[in-house]
Protein backbone atom coordinates (compact mmCIF):
# COMPACT_ATOMS: atom_id res chain seq x y z
CA MET A 1 0.00 0.00 0.00
CA PRO A 2 1.48 3.41 -0.99
CA LYS A 3 2.32 5.93 1.67
CA ARG A 4 -0.26 8.57 2.23
CA ARG A 5 0.96 12.10 1.45
CA ARG A 6 0.30 14.79 3.97
CA ASN A 7 -1.22 18.03 2.90
CA ARG A 8 1.76 20.38 2.97
CA THR A 9 0.07 23.72 2.69
CA LYS A 10 1.99 26.57 4.21
CA GLN A 11 1.06 26.89 7.85
CA ARG A 12 0.90 30.36 9.34
CA SER A 13 2.91 30.90 12.41
CA THR A 14 0.93 31.52 15.56
CA ARG A 15 3.35 34.28 16.46
CA ARG A 16 2.48 37.54 14.73
CA ARG A 17 5.19 39.81 13.47
CA ARG A 18 5.22 43.05 15.33
CA ARG A 19 5.58 46.08 13.16
CA ARG A 20 6.61 49.30 14.71
CA PRO A 21 3.83 51.80 14.07
CA LYS A 22 4.63 55.16 12.59
CA PRO A 23 4.28 57.93 15.13
CA THR A 24 0.99 59.76 14.98
CA PHE A 25 0.67 63.28 16.24
CA ALA A 26 -2.16 65.73 16.23
CA LYS A 27 -1.89 67.87 13.12
CA LEU A 28 -1.05 71.32 14.34
CA LYS A 29 -1.92 74.15 12.02
CA THR A 30 0.46 77.05 12.29
CA ASN A 31 0.86 79.85 9.82
CA PHE A 32 4.26 81.40 10.10
CA PRO A 33 5.02 83.89 7.35
CA PRO A 34 7.11 82.57 4.43
CA GLY A 35 10.82 82.42 5.09
CA VAL A 36 10.75 82.10 8.88
CA LEU A 37 13.38 79.65 10.13
CA LEU A 38 11.42 77.02 12.05
CA HIS A 39 14.26 74.68 13.03
CA SER A 40 17.97 74.18 12.42
CA ALA A 41 20.01 71.12 13.39
CA ILE A 42 23.46 69.72 12.70
CA LEU A 43 23.33 65.94 12.33
CA PRO A 44 26.52 63.84 12.64
CA ILE A 45 25.84 61.85 9.48
CA ALA A 46 27.89 62.07 6.30
CA ILE A 47 26.06 62.37 3.00
CA THR A 48 27.44 59.75 0.66
CA ASN A 49 27.50 59.79 -3.12
CA ASP A 50 26.31 56.19 -3.61
CA ASN A 51 27.59 56.19 -7.16
CA ASP A 52 26.79 52.48 -7.54
CA GLY A 53 23.09 53.32 -7.87
CA ARG A 54 19.95 51.86 -6.36
CA THR A 55 18.72 48.33 -6.69
CA LYS A 56 15.24 46.95 -6.47
CA HIS A 57 16.07 45.49 -3.05
CA TYR A 58 15.05 47.82 -0.25
CA GLY A 59 16.65 45.96 2.67
CA LEU A 60 19.88 47.96 2.74
CA ASN A 61 18.01 51.26 2.54
CA ARG A 62 15.63 50.21 5.33
CA ASP A 63 18.55 49.15 7.54
CA ARG A 64 20.24 52.51 6.94
CA ARG A 65 17.05 54.37 7.81
CA ILE A 66 16.67 52.42 11.06
CA ARG A 67 20.34 52.99 11.96
CA TYR A 68 20.03 56.75 11.31
CA GLU A 69 16.79 56.93 13.27
CA ARG A 70 18.30 55.22 16.32
CA LYS A 71 21.37 57.43 16.22
CA LEU A 72 19.37 60.65 15.92
CA ARG A 73 16.85 59.57 18.56
CA SER A 74 19.69 58.89 21.02
CA LEU A 75 21.01 62.40 20.32
CA GLY A 76 17.62 63.95 21.13
CA HIS A 77 16.42 64.93 17.66
CA ALA A 78 12.86 63.62 18.07
CA ARG A 79 10.27 66.41 17.95
CA GLN A 80 6.66 67.30 17.20
CA PRO A 81 5.88 67.75 13.49
CA PHE A 82 5.85 71.13 11.82
CA GLY A 83 2.30 72.35 11.50
CA GLN A 84 2.62 73.67 7.98
CA GLN A 85 4.29 73.09 4.65
CA THR A 86 8.05 73.59 4.79
CA ASP A 87 11.09 74.32 2.64
CA VAL A 88 14.27 72.47 3.60
CA VAL A 89 17.89 73.50 3.00
CA VAL A 90 20.32 70.58 3.37
CA THR A 91 23.94 71.65 3.76
CA ARG A 92 26.66 69.02 3.46
CA ILE A 93 29.45 70.01 5.84
CA LEU A 94 32.65 68.59 4.43
CA GLY A 95 35.13 66.64 6.54
CA PRO A 96 38.89 67.31 6.60
CA SER A 97 39.75 65.32 3.47
CA GLU A 98 36.48 65.51 1.51
CA LYS A 99 35.98 67.27 -1.80
CA LYS A 100 32.85 69.00 -3.00
CA LEU A 101 30.46 66.87 -5.01
CA ASP A 102 28.70 68.01 -8.15
CA GLN A 103 25.72 70.10 -7.11
CA SER A 104 23.30 67.63 -8.66
CA SER A 105 24.85 64.75 -6.67
CA VAL A 106 24.54 66.20 -3.16
CA LEU A 107 21.10 64.71 -2.45
CA ARG A 108 21.57 61.66 -4.66
CA GLY A 109 23.17 59.33 -2.13
CA ASN A 110 21.74 58.51 1.28
CA TYR A 111 19.67 61.66 1.85
CA LYS A 112 16.41 59.80 1.22
CA GLU A 113 17.10 57.48 4.17
CA ILE A 114 18.03 60.46 6.36
CA GLU A 115 14.78 62.21 5.42
CA ASP A 116 12.79 59.03 6.13
CA ALA A 117 14.48 58.76 9.55
CA LEU A 118 13.47 62.36 10.31
CA VAL A 119 9.88 61.53 9.35
CA TRP A 120 9.97 58.61 11.79
CA LEU A 121 11.38 60.95 14.45
CA GLY A 122 8.31 63.16 14.04
CA TRP A 123 9.70 66.12 12.09
CA TRP A 124 6.98 65.74 9.42
CA HIS A 125 3.90 63.56 9.06
CA ASP A 126 5.17 62.36 5.69
CA ASP A 127 7.83 63.37 3.16
CA SER A 128 5.30 64.15 0.45
CA PRO A 129 4.74 67.62 -1.11
CA PRO A 130 1.98 68.71 1.28
CA TYR A 131 4.60 68.66 4.07
CA ILE A 132 7.96 69.25 2.31
CA ARG A 133 7.51 71.63 -0.60
CA PHE A 134 11.12 72.02 -1.69
CA VAL A 135 14.57 70.67 -0.76
CA LEU A 136 17.64 72.71 -1.67
CA PRO A 137 21.14 71.15 -1.49
CA ASP A 138 24.23 73.11 -0.47
CA GLN A 139 27.84 72.38 0.54
CA ASP A 140 30.04 74.07 3.12
CA ALA A 141 33.83 73.73 3.16
CA THR A 142 34.43 76.36 5.87
CA GLN A 143 33.49 74.21 8.89
CA ARG A 144 35.67 71.16 8.23
CA GLU A 145 36.47 70.77 11.93
CA ILE A 146 32.90 69.60 12.67
CA GLY A 147 32.46 67.58 9.48
CA PRO A 148 31.55 65.29 7.97
CA ALA A 149 28.00 66.20 8.96
CA ILE A 150 24.86 67.79 7.58
CA ARG A 151 22.97 70.88 8.65
CA ILE A 152 19.24 70.87 8.04
CA ASP A 153 17.44 74.21 8.07
CA VAL A 154 13.65 74.02 7.94
CA TYR A 155 11.81 77.16 6.83
CA ALA A 156 8.13 78.00 6.52
CA ALA A 157 7.11 77.37 2.91
CA GLY A 158 7.90 80.24 0.62
CA ALA A 159 11.47 80.80 1.76
CA ILE A 160 12.81 79.43 -1.50
CA GLN A 161 11.42 80.83 -4.71
CA VAL A 162 10.81 77.83 -6.91
CA ARG A 163 9.13 79.66 -9.78
CA PRO A 164 10.05 83.09 -11.08
CA THR A 165 7.73 85.79 -9.80
CA GLU A 166 8.31 88.18 -12.69
CA VAL A 167 7.37 87.42 -16.26
CA TYR A 168 9.44 89.16 -18.88
CA GLU A 169 8.28 90.09 -22.38
CA HIS A 170 10.36 87.37 -24.06
CA ASP A 171 8.84 84.71 -21.73
CA ARG A 172 5.26 85.39 -22.81
């Protein structure tokens, strides 16, 4: 008599995976005039170039985000979210032996993971356009003694003119 085969359907584990919930805060509505500096912080994280590109695997990026979040939380950078749309200026502070990157490459590397870590720390509800209107990269070679690091300046939306306000005759 042949052996009877057991039904080998995938059994769910009785132990549920715990996911860490995103922080939820009451949405505060504040209306500071455009250009007011809301917050400035120097973070001890170096912006990398990541010239090898991105892959379709998100594990490395998620691990980086968690590592940055833990480091910044231990340094006391958790806060309540900004109550309005913001403009962000990200300044890469160069270290003693670092060179300036191309201006288009400053935010190309690991800045996305740093921004996601700041969202998890409560700086914004999300990193979508209703909360972060514009991000401007910059580099600073004058403070090499505190680098490599980044300075993040958060302004009330309207600090950075994204579109020209004047229309010239030849633009019409």
